All heavy atoms as atom14 arrays in JSON, in Angstrom:
{
  "sequence": "GCKNLHYKIKYASQLVNASGITQGTNITNHPRIVLNDG",
  "atom14_mask": [
    [1, 1, 1, 1, 0, 0, 0, 0, 0, 0, 0, 0, 0, 0],
    [1, 1, 1, 1, 1, 1, 0, 0, 0, 0, 0, 0, 0, 0],
    [1, 1, 1, 1, 1, 1, 1, 1, 1, 0, 0, 0, 0, 0],
    [1, 1, 1, 1, 1, 1, 1, 1, 0, 0, 0, 0, 0, 0],
    [1, 1, 1, 1, 1, 1, 1, 1, 0, 0, 0, 0, 0, 0],
    [1, 1, 1, 1, 1, 1, 1, 1, 1, 1, 0, 0, 0, 0],
    [1, 1, 1, 1, 1, 1, 1, 1, 1, 1, 1, 1, 0, 0],
    [1, 1, 1, 1, 1, 1, 1, 1, 1, 0, 0, 0, 0, 0],
    [1, 1, 1, 1, 1, 1, 1, 1, 0, 0, 0, 0, 0, 0],
    [1, 1, 1, 1, 1, 1, 1, 1, 1, 0, 0, 0, 0, 0],
    [1, 1, 1, 1, 1, 1, 1, 1, 1, 1, 1, 1, 0, 0],
    [1, 1, 1, 1, 1, 0, 0, 0, 0, 0, 0, 0, 0, 0],
    [1, 1, 1, 1, 1, 1, 0, 0, 0, 0, 0, 0, 0, 0],
    [1, 1, 1, 1, 1, 1, 1, 1, 1, 0, 0, 0, 0, 0],
    [1, 1, 1, 1, 1, 1, 1, 1, 0, 0, 0, 0, 0, 0],
    [1, 1, 1, 1, 1, 1, 1, 0, 0, 0, 0, 0, 0, 0],
    [1, 1, 1, 1, 1, 1, 1, 1, 0, 0, 0, 0, 0, 0],
    [1, 1, 1, 1, 1, 0, 0, 0, 0, 0, 0, 0, 0, 0],
    [1, 1, 1, 1, 1, 1, 0, 0, 0, 0, 0, 0, 0, 0],
    [1, 1, 1, 1, 0, 0, 0, 0, 0, 0, 0, 0, 0, 0],
    [1, 1, 1, 1, 1, 1, 1, 1, 0, 0, 0, 0, 0, 0],
    [1, 1, 1, 1, 1, 1, 1, 0, 0, 0, 0, 0, 0, 0],
    [1, 1, 1, 1, 1, 1, 1, 1, 1, 0, 0, 0, 0, 0],
    [1, 1, 1, 1, 0, 0, 0, 0, 0, 0, 0, 0, 0, 0],
    [1, 1, 1, 1, 1, 1, 1, 0, 0, 0, 0, 0, 0, 0],
    [1, 1, 1, 1, 1, 1, 1, 1, 0, 0, 0, 0, 0, 0],
    [1, 1, 1, 1, 1, 1, 1, 1, 0, 0, 0, 0, 0, 0],
    [1, 1, 1, 1, 1, 1, 1, 0, 0, 0, 0, 0, 0, 0],
    [1, 1, 1, 1, 1, 1, 1, 1, 0, 0, 0, 0, 0, 0],
    [1, 1, 1, 1, 1, 1, 1, 1, 1, 1, 0, 0, 0, 0],
    [1, 1, 1, 1, 1, 1, 1, 0, 0, 0, 0, 0, 0, 0],
    [1, 1, 1, 1, 1, 1, 1, 1, 1, 1, 1, 0, 0, 0],
    [1, 1, 1, 1, 1, 1, 1, 1, 0, 0, 0, 0, 0, 0],
    [1, 1, 1, 1, 1, 1, 1, 0, 0, 0, 0, 0, 0, 0],
    [1, 1, 1, 1, 1, 1, 1, 1, 0, 0, 0, 0, 0, 0],
    [1, 1, 1, 1, 1, 1, 1, 1, 0, 0, 0, 0, 0, 0],
    [1, 1, 1, 1, 1, 1, 1, 1, 0, 0, 0, 0, 0, 0],
    [1, 1, 1, 1, 0, 0, 0, 0, 0, 0, 0, 0, 0, 0]
  ],
  "atom14_positions": [
    [[0.79, -1.22, 0.0], [0.0, 0.0, 0.0], [0.82, 1.26, 0.0], [0.27, 2.36, -0.06], [0.0, 0.0, 0.0], [0.0, 0.0, 0.0], [0.0, 0.0, 0.0], [0.0, 0.0, 0.0], [0.0, 0.0, 0.0], [0.0, 0.0, 0.0], [0.0, 0.0, 0.0], [0.0, 0.0, 0.0], [0.0, 0.0, 0.0], [0.0, 0.0, 0.0]],
    [[2.14, 1.12, 0.07], [3.02, 2.29, 0.13], [4.02, 2.32, -1.02], [4.93, 3.15, -1.02], [3.76, 2.32, 1.46], [2.7, 2.53, 2.92], [0.0, 0.0, 0.0], [0.0, 0.0, 0.0], [0.0, 0.0, 0.0], [0.0, 0.0, 0.0], [0.0, 0.0, 0.0], [0.0, 0.0, 0.0], [0.0, 0.0, 0.0], [0.0, 0.0, 0.0]],
    [[3.89, 1.42, -1.95], [4.82, 1.39, -3.08], [4.4, 2.4, -4.15], [3.25, 2.81, -4.24], [4.86, -0.01, -3.68], [5.35, -1.09, -2.71], [5.31, -2.46, -3.35], [5.78, -3.53, -2.37], [5.71, -4.89, -2.96], [0.0, 0.0, 0.0], [0.0, 0.0, 0.0], [0.0, 0.0, 0.0], [0.0, 0.0, 0.0], [0.0, 0.0, 0.0]],
    [[5.34, 2.79, -4.95], [5.09, 3.67, -6.1], [4.46, 5.0, -5.72], [3.63, 5.55, -6.46], [4.19, 2.95, -7.12], [4.78, 1.65, -7.61], [5.98, 1.56, -7.85], [3.94, 0.64, -7.74], [0.0, 0.0, 0.0], [0.0, 0.0, 0.0], [0.0, 0.0, 0.0], [0.0, 0.0, 0.0], [0.0, 0.0, 0.0], [0.0, 0.0, 0.0]],
    [[4.84, 5.54, -4.57], [4.3, 6.82, -4.13], [5.21, 7.99, -4.48], [4.86, 9.13, -4.25], [4.06, 6.81, -2.62], [3.08, 5.76, -2.08], [2.85, 5.98, -0.59], [1.76, 5.82, -2.83], [0.0, 0.0, 0.0], [0.0, 0.0, 0.0], [0.0, 0.0, 0.0], [0.0, 0.0, 0.0], [0.0, 0.0, 0.0], [0.0, 0.0, 0.0]],
    [[6.38, 7.7, -5.03], [7.33, 8.75, -5.39], [7.52, 8.69, -6.9], [8.07, 7.75, -7.44], [8.66, 8.55, -4.66], [8.5, 8.56, -3.18], [8.59, 9.71, -2.43], [8.23, 7.57, -2.3], [8.39, 9.43, -1.16], [8.17, 8.14, -1.06], [0.0, 0.0, 0.0], [0.0, 0.0, 0.0], [0.0, 0.0, 0.0], [0.0, 0.0, 0.0]],
    [[7.03, 9.72, -7.58], [7.04, 9.7, -9.05], [7.18, 11.13, -9.55], [7.0, 12.1, -8.81], [5.75, 9.07, -9.58], [4.5, 9.57, -8.91], [3.84, 10.71, -9.37], [3.97, 8.9, -7.81], [2.7, 11.18, -8.76], [2.83, 9.37, -7.18], [2.19, 10.51, -7.65], [1.06, 10.97, -7.03], [0.0, 0.0, 0.0], [0.0, 0.0, 0.0]],
    [[7.5, 11.26, -10.82], [7.73, 12.57, -11.4], [6.41, 13.26, -11.71], [5.46, 12.64, -12.17], [8.57, 12.45, -12.68], [9.06, 13.79, -13.22], [10.02, 13.58, -14.36], [11.35, 13.03, -13.91], [12.11, 14.01, -13.09], [0.0, 0.0, 0.0], [0.0, 0.0, 0.0], [0.0, 0.0, 0.0], [0.0, 0.0, 0.0], [0.0, 0.0, 0.0]],
    [[6.33, 14.56, -11.42], [5.16, 15.37, -11.67], [5.56, 16.56, -12.54], [6.58, 17.19, -12.3], [4.54, 15.87, -10.34], [4.0, 14.69, -9.53], [3.42, 16.88, -10.6], [3.41, 15.09, -8.2], [0.0, 0.0, 0.0], [0.0, 0.0, 0.0], [0.0, 0.0, 0.0], [0.0, 0.0, 0.0], [0.0, 0.0, 0.0], [0.0, 0.0, 0.0]],
    [[4.74, 16.86, -13.54], [5.0, 18.02, -14.39], [4.61, 19.29, -13.65], [3.69, 19.3, -12.84], [4.17, 17.92, -15.67], [4.54, 16.77, -16.57], [3.5, 16.51, -17.64], [3.32, 17.68, -18.59], [2.42, 17.34, -19.72], [0.0, 0.0, 0.0], [0.0, 0.0, 0.0], [0.0, 0.0, 0.0], [0.0, 0.0, 0.0], [0.0, 0.0, 0.0]],
    [[5.33, 20.38, -13.96], [4.91, 21.68, -13.46], [3.61, 22.09, -14.16], [3.22, 21.49, -15.16], [6.0, 22.72, -13.69], [7.23, 22.51, -12.84], [8.45, 22.15, -13.41], [7.18, 22.69, -11.46], [9.58, 21.95, -12.63], [8.3, 22.49, -10.67], [9.5, 22.12, -11.26], [10.61, 21.92, -10.48], [0.0, 0.0, 0.0], [0.0, 0.0, 0.0]],
    [[2.96, 23.12, -13.64], [1.7, 23.58, -14.22], [1.89, 24.06, -15.66], [0.99, 23.95, -16.48], [1.09, 24.68, -13.36], [0.0, 0.0, 0.0], [0.0, 0.0, 0.0], [0.0, 0.0, 0.0], [0.0, 0.0, 0.0], [0.0, 0.0, 0.0], [0.0, 0.0, 0.0], [0.0, 0.0, 0.0], [0.0, 0.0, 0.0], [0.0, 0.0, 0.0]],
    [[3.04, 24.61, -15.95], [3.39, 24.99, -17.31], [4.88, 24.74, -17.5], [5.6, 24.51, -16.52], [3.04, 26.46, -17.59], [3.72, 27.32, -16.71], [0.0, 0.0, 0.0], [0.0, 0.0, 0.0], [0.0, 0.0, 0.0], [0.0, 0.0, 0.0], [0.0, 0.0, 0.0], [0.0, 0.0, 0.0], [0.0, 0.0, 0.0], [0.0, 0.0, 0.0]],
    [[5.33, 24.79, -18.73], [6.71, 24.42, -19.01], [7.71, 25.3, -18.27], [7.53, 26.51, -18.13], [6.98, 24.49, -20.5], [6.93, 25.91, -21.04], [7.65, 26.03, -22.36], [7.95, 25.03, -22.99], [7.93, 27.24, -22.77], [0.0, 0.0, 0.0], [0.0, 0.0, 0.0], [0.0, 0.0, 0.0], [0.0, 0.0, 0.0], [0.0, 0.0, 0.0]],
    [[8.75, 24.68, -17.79], [9.86, 25.37, -17.17], [11.11, 24.83, -17.86], [11.32, 23.62, -17.93], [9.91, 25.08, -15.68], [10.61, 26.08, -14.78], [9.94, 27.44, -14.86], [10.61, 25.59, -13.34], [0.0, 0.0, 0.0], [0.0, 0.0, 0.0], [0.0, 0.0, 0.0], [0.0, 0.0, 0.0], [0.0, 0.0, 0.0], [0.0, 0.0, 0.0]],
    [[11.94, 25.73, -18.39], [13.08, 25.33, -19.21], [14.37, 25.66, -18.46], [14.52, 26.76, -17.92], [13.06, 26.06, -20.57], [14.21, 25.62, -21.44], [11.74, 25.81, -21.26], [0.0, 0.0, 0.0], [0.0, 0.0, 0.0], [0.0, 0.0, 0.0], [0.0, 0.0, 0.0], [0.0, 0.0, 0.0], [0.0, 0.0, 0.0], [0.0, 0.0, 0.0]],
    [[15.31, 24.72, -18.42], [16.58, 25.0, -17.76], [17.53, 25.73, -18.72], [17.19, 26.02, -19.86], [17.22, 23.73, -17.19], [17.61, 22.73, -18.28], [17.79, 23.08, -19.44], [17.74, 21.47, -17.88], [0.0, 0.0, 0.0], [0.0, 0.0, 0.0], [0.0, 0.0, 0.0], [0.0, 0.0, 0.0], [0.0, 0.0, 0.0], [0.0, 0.0, 0.0]],
    [[18.73, 26.04, -18.24], [19.67, 26.84, -19.03], [20.11, 26.13, -20.3], [20.61, 26.77, -21.23], [20.88, 27.19, -18.18], [0.0, 0.0, 0.0], [0.0, 0.0, 0.0], [0.0, 0.0, 0.0], [0.0, 0.0, 0.0], [0.0, 0.0, 0.0], [0.0, 0.0, 0.0], [0.0, 0.0, 0.0], [0.0, 0.0, 0.0], [0.0, 0.0, 0.0]],
    [[19.91, 24.8, -20.36], [20.26, 24.04, -21.56], [19.09, 23.91, -22.52], [19.21, 23.24, -23.56], [20.76, 22.64, -21.16], [21.92, 22.73, -20.35], [0.0, 0.0, 0.0], [0.0, 0.0, 0.0], [0.0, 0.0, 0.0], [0.0, 0.0, 0.0], [0.0, 0.0, 0.0], [0.0, 0.0, 0.0], [0.0, 0.0, 0.0], [0.0, 0.0, 0.0]],
    [[17.95, 24.53, -22.18], [16.79, 24.49, -23.05], [15.98, 23.21, -22.94], [15.21, 22.89, -23.83], [0.0, 0.0, 0.0], [0.0, 0.0, 0.0], [0.0, 0.0, 0.0], [0.0, 0.0, 0.0], [0.0, 0.0, 0.0], [0.0, 0.0, 0.0], [0.0, 0.0, 0.0], [0.0, 0.0, 0.0], [0.0, 0.0, 0.0], [0.0, 0.0, 0.0]],
    [[16.14, 22.48, -21.82], [15.41, 21.23, -21.62], [14.21, 21.49, -20.72], [14.35, 22.09, -19.65], [16.3, 20.15, -20.97], [17.57, 19.94, -21.81], [15.54, 18.85, -20.81], [17.32, 19.44, -23.2], [0.0, 0.0, 0.0], [0.0, 0.0, 0.0], [0.0, 0.0, 0.0], [0.0, 0.0, 0.0], [0.0, 0.0, 0.0], [0.0, 0.0, 0.0]],
    [[13.02, 21.05, -21.14], [11.83, 21.21, -20.31], [11.94, 20.29, -19.1], [12.37, 19.15, -19.2], [10.56, 20.88, -21.09], [10.68, 19.58, -21.67], [10.34, 21.9, -22.2], [0.0, 0.0, 0.0], [0.0, 0.0, 0.0], [0.0, 0.0, 0.0], [0.0, 0.0, 0.0], [0.0, 0.0, 0.0], [0.0, 0.0, 0.0], [0.0, 0.0, 0.0]],
    [[11.51, 20.82, -17.93], [11.75, 20.13, -16.68], [10.47, 19.57, -16.07], [9.39, 20.1, -16.25], [12.38, 21.09, -15.67], [13.71, 21.68, -16.12], [14.27, 22.62, -15.1], [14.71, 22.22, -14.04], [14.22, 23.9, -15.41], [0.0, 0.0, 0.0], [0.0, 0.0, 0.0], [0.0, 0.0, 0.0], [0.0, 0.0, 0.0], [0.0, 0.0, 0.0]],
    [[10.64, 18.48, -15.32], [9.61, 17.96, -14.43], [10.14, 18.09, -13.02], [11.15, 18.75, -12.78], [0.0, 0.0, 0.0], [0.0, 0.0, 0.0], [0.0, 0.0, 0.0], [0.0, 0.0, 0.0], [0.0, 0.0, 0.0], [0.0, 0.0, 0.0], [0.0, 0.0, 0.0], [0.0, 0.0, 0.0], [0.0, 0.0, 0.0], [0.0, 0.0, 0.0]],
    [[9.47, 17.49, -12.07], [9.94, 17.56, -10.69], [9.57, 16.29, -9.97], [8.71, 15.53, -10.42], [9.32, 18.77, -9.95], [9.9, 18.86, -8.64], [7.82, 18.63, -9.81], [0.0, 0.0, 0.0], [0.0, 0.0, 0.0], [0.0, 0.0, 0.0], [0.0, 0.0, 0.0], [0.0, 0.0, 0.0], [0.0, 0.0, 0.0], [0.0, 0.0, 0.0]],
    [[10.22, 16.03, -8.85], [9.8, 14.97, -7.95], [9.4, 15.61, -6.63], [10.1, 16.5, -6.14], [10.93, 13.97, -7.69], [11.19, 13.07, -8.89], [10.29, 12.45, -9.4], [12.43, 13.03, -9.33], [0.0, 0.0, 0.0], [0.0, 0.0, 0.0], [0.0, 0.0, 0.0], [0.0, 0.0, 0.0], [0.0, 0.0, 0.0], [0.0, 0.0, 0.0]],
    [[8.25, 15.22, -6.08], [7.96, 15.65, -4.73], [9.03, 15.04, -3.84], [9.26, 13.84, -3.87], [6.56, 15.19, -4.28], [5.48, 15.89, -5.11], [6.34, 15.5, -2.8], [4.07, 15.49, -4.76], [0.0, 0.0, 0.0], [0.0, 0.0, 0.0], [0.0, 0.0, 0.0], [0.0, 0.0, 0.0], [0.0, 0.0, 0.0], [0.0, 0.0, 0.0]],
    [[9.71, 15.88, -3.06], [10.82, 15.41, -2.25], [10.38, 14.26, -1.36], [9.21, 14.12, -1.04], [11.36, 16.58, -1.4], [11.58, 17.7, -2.25], [12.67, 16.22, -0.73], [0.0, 0.0, 0.0], [0.0, 0.0, 0.0], [0.0, 0.0, 0.0], [0.0, 0.0, 0.0], [0.0, 0.0, 0.0], [0.0, 0.0, 0.0], [0.0, 0.0, 0.0]],
    [[11.32, 13.46, -0.95], [11.03, 12.22, -0.25], [10.48, 12.47, 1.15], [11.19, 12.34, 2.15], [12.31, 11.38, -0.17], [12.04, 9.97, 0.25], [10.93, 9.48, 0.14], [13.06, 9.3, 0.77], [0.0, 0.0, 0.0], [0.0, 0.0, 0.0], [0.0, 0.0, 0.0], [0.0, 0.0, 0.0], [0.0, 0.0, 0.0], [0.0, 0.0, 0.0]],
    [[9.19, 12.83, 1.22], [8.53, 13.06, 2.5], [7.6, 11.91, 2.82], [7.17, 11.18, 1.92], [7.71, 14.36, 2.44], [8.53, 15.57, 2.1], [9.66, 15.92, 2.79], [8.37, 16.5, 1.13], [10.17, 17.02, 2.26], [9.41, 17.4, 1.25], [0.0, 0.0, 0.0], [0.0, 0.0, 0.0], [0.0, 0.0, 0.0], [0.0, 0.0, 0.0]],
    [[7.26, 11.72, 4.1], [6.26, 10.69, 4.45], [4.93, 11.01, 3.81], [4.63, 12.16, 3.49], [6.19, 10.77, 5.98], [6.71, 12.13, 6.33], [7.74, 12.45, 5.28], [0.0, 0.0, 0.0], [0.0, 0.0, 0.0], [0.0, 0.0, 0.0], [0.0, 0.0, 0.0], [0.0, 0.0, 0.0], [0.0, 0.0, 0.0], [0.0, 0.0, 0.0]],
    [[4.11, 9.97, 3.62], [2.85, 10.1, 2.89], [1.66, 9.66, 3.75], [1.78, 8.85, 4.66], [2.85, 9.22, 1.64], [4.01, 9.42, 0.65], [3.99, 10.8, 0.03], [4.63, 10.85, -1.27], [5.82, 11.37, -1.5], [6.53, 11.86, -0.52], [6.3, 11.43, -2.73], [0.0, 0.0, 0.0], [0.0, 0.0, 0.0], [0.0, 0.0, 0.0]],
    [[0.49, 10.19, 3.36], [-0.79, 9.7, 3.84], [-1.58, 9.28, 2.61], [-1.69, 10.05, 1.66], [-1.57, 10.78, 4.61], [-0.78, 11.26, 5.83], [-2.94, 10.25, 5.05], [-1.38, 12.49, 6.5], [0.0, 0.0, 0.0], [0.0, 0.0, 0.0], [0.0, 0.0, 0.0], [0.0, 0.0, 0.0], [0.0, 0.0, 0.0], [0.0, 0.0, 0.0]],
    [[-2.09, 8.06, 2.61], [-2.89, 7.57, 1.49], [-4.34, 7.46, 1.95], [-4.64, 6.72, 2.89], [-2.38, 6.2, 0.99], [-3.2, 5.74, -0.21], [-0.91, 6.28, 0.62], [0.0, 0.0, 0.0], [0.0, 0.0, 0.0], [0.0, 0.0, 0.0], [0.0, 0.0, 0.0], [0.0, 0.0, 0.0], [0.0, 0.0, 0.0], [0.0, 0.0, 0.0]],
    [[-5.23, 8.21, 1.3], [-6.64, 8.2, 1.67], [-7.38, 7.06, 0.98], [-6.88, 6.46, 0.02], [-7.29, 9.54, 1.31], [-6.63, 10.79, 1.88], [-7.5, 12.02, 1.61], [-6.36, 10.66, 3.37], [0.0, 0.0, 0.0], [0.0, 0.0, 0.0], [0.0, 0.0, 0.0], [0.0, 0.0, 0.0], [0.0, 0.0, 0.0], [0.0, 0.0, 0.0]],
    [[-8.59, 6.77, 1.46], [-9.37, 5.67, 0.91], [-9.67, 5.83, -0.57], [-9.81, 4.84, -1.3], [-10.69, 5.53, 1.67], [-10.49, 4.95, 3.06], [-9.56, 4.2, 3.29], [-11.38, 5.29, 3.98], [0.0, 0.0, 0.0], [0.0, 0.0, 0.0], [0.0, 0.0, 0.0], [0.0, 0.0, 0.0], [0.0, 0.0, 0.0], [0.0, 0.0, 0.0]],
    [[-9.79, 7.08, -1.05], [-10.14, 7.3, -2.46], [-8.92, 7.37, -3.36], [-9.03, 7.68, -4.54], [-10.98, 8.57, -2.6], [-10.22, 9.84, -2.24], [-9.05, 9.75, -1.82], [-10.79, 10.93, -2.39], [0.0, 0.0, 0.0], [0.0, 0.0, 0.0], [0.0, 0.0, 0.0], [0.0, 0.0, 0.0], [0.0, 0.0, 0.0], [0.0, 0.0, 0.0]],
    [[-7.73, 7.1, -2.8], [-6.5, 7.1, -3.61], [-5.73, 8.4, -3.57], [-4.62, 8.47, -4.14], [0.0, 0.0, 0.0], [0.0, 0.0, 0.0], [0.0, 0.0, 0.0], [0.0, 0.0, 0.0], [0.0, 0.0, 0.0], [0.0, 0.0, 0.0], [0.0, 0.0, 0.0], [0.0, 0.0, 0.0], [0.0, 0.0, 0.0], [0.0, 0.0, 0.0]]
  ]
}
């Protein structure tokens, strides 16, 4: 029930680094709460 909780999330709109690559992000490795509805 706690596997696969750390995954890449896109920003709300594109963010480009200095090399011109569009970026995503990972929610930093914090503890989680999983609700009944997912």
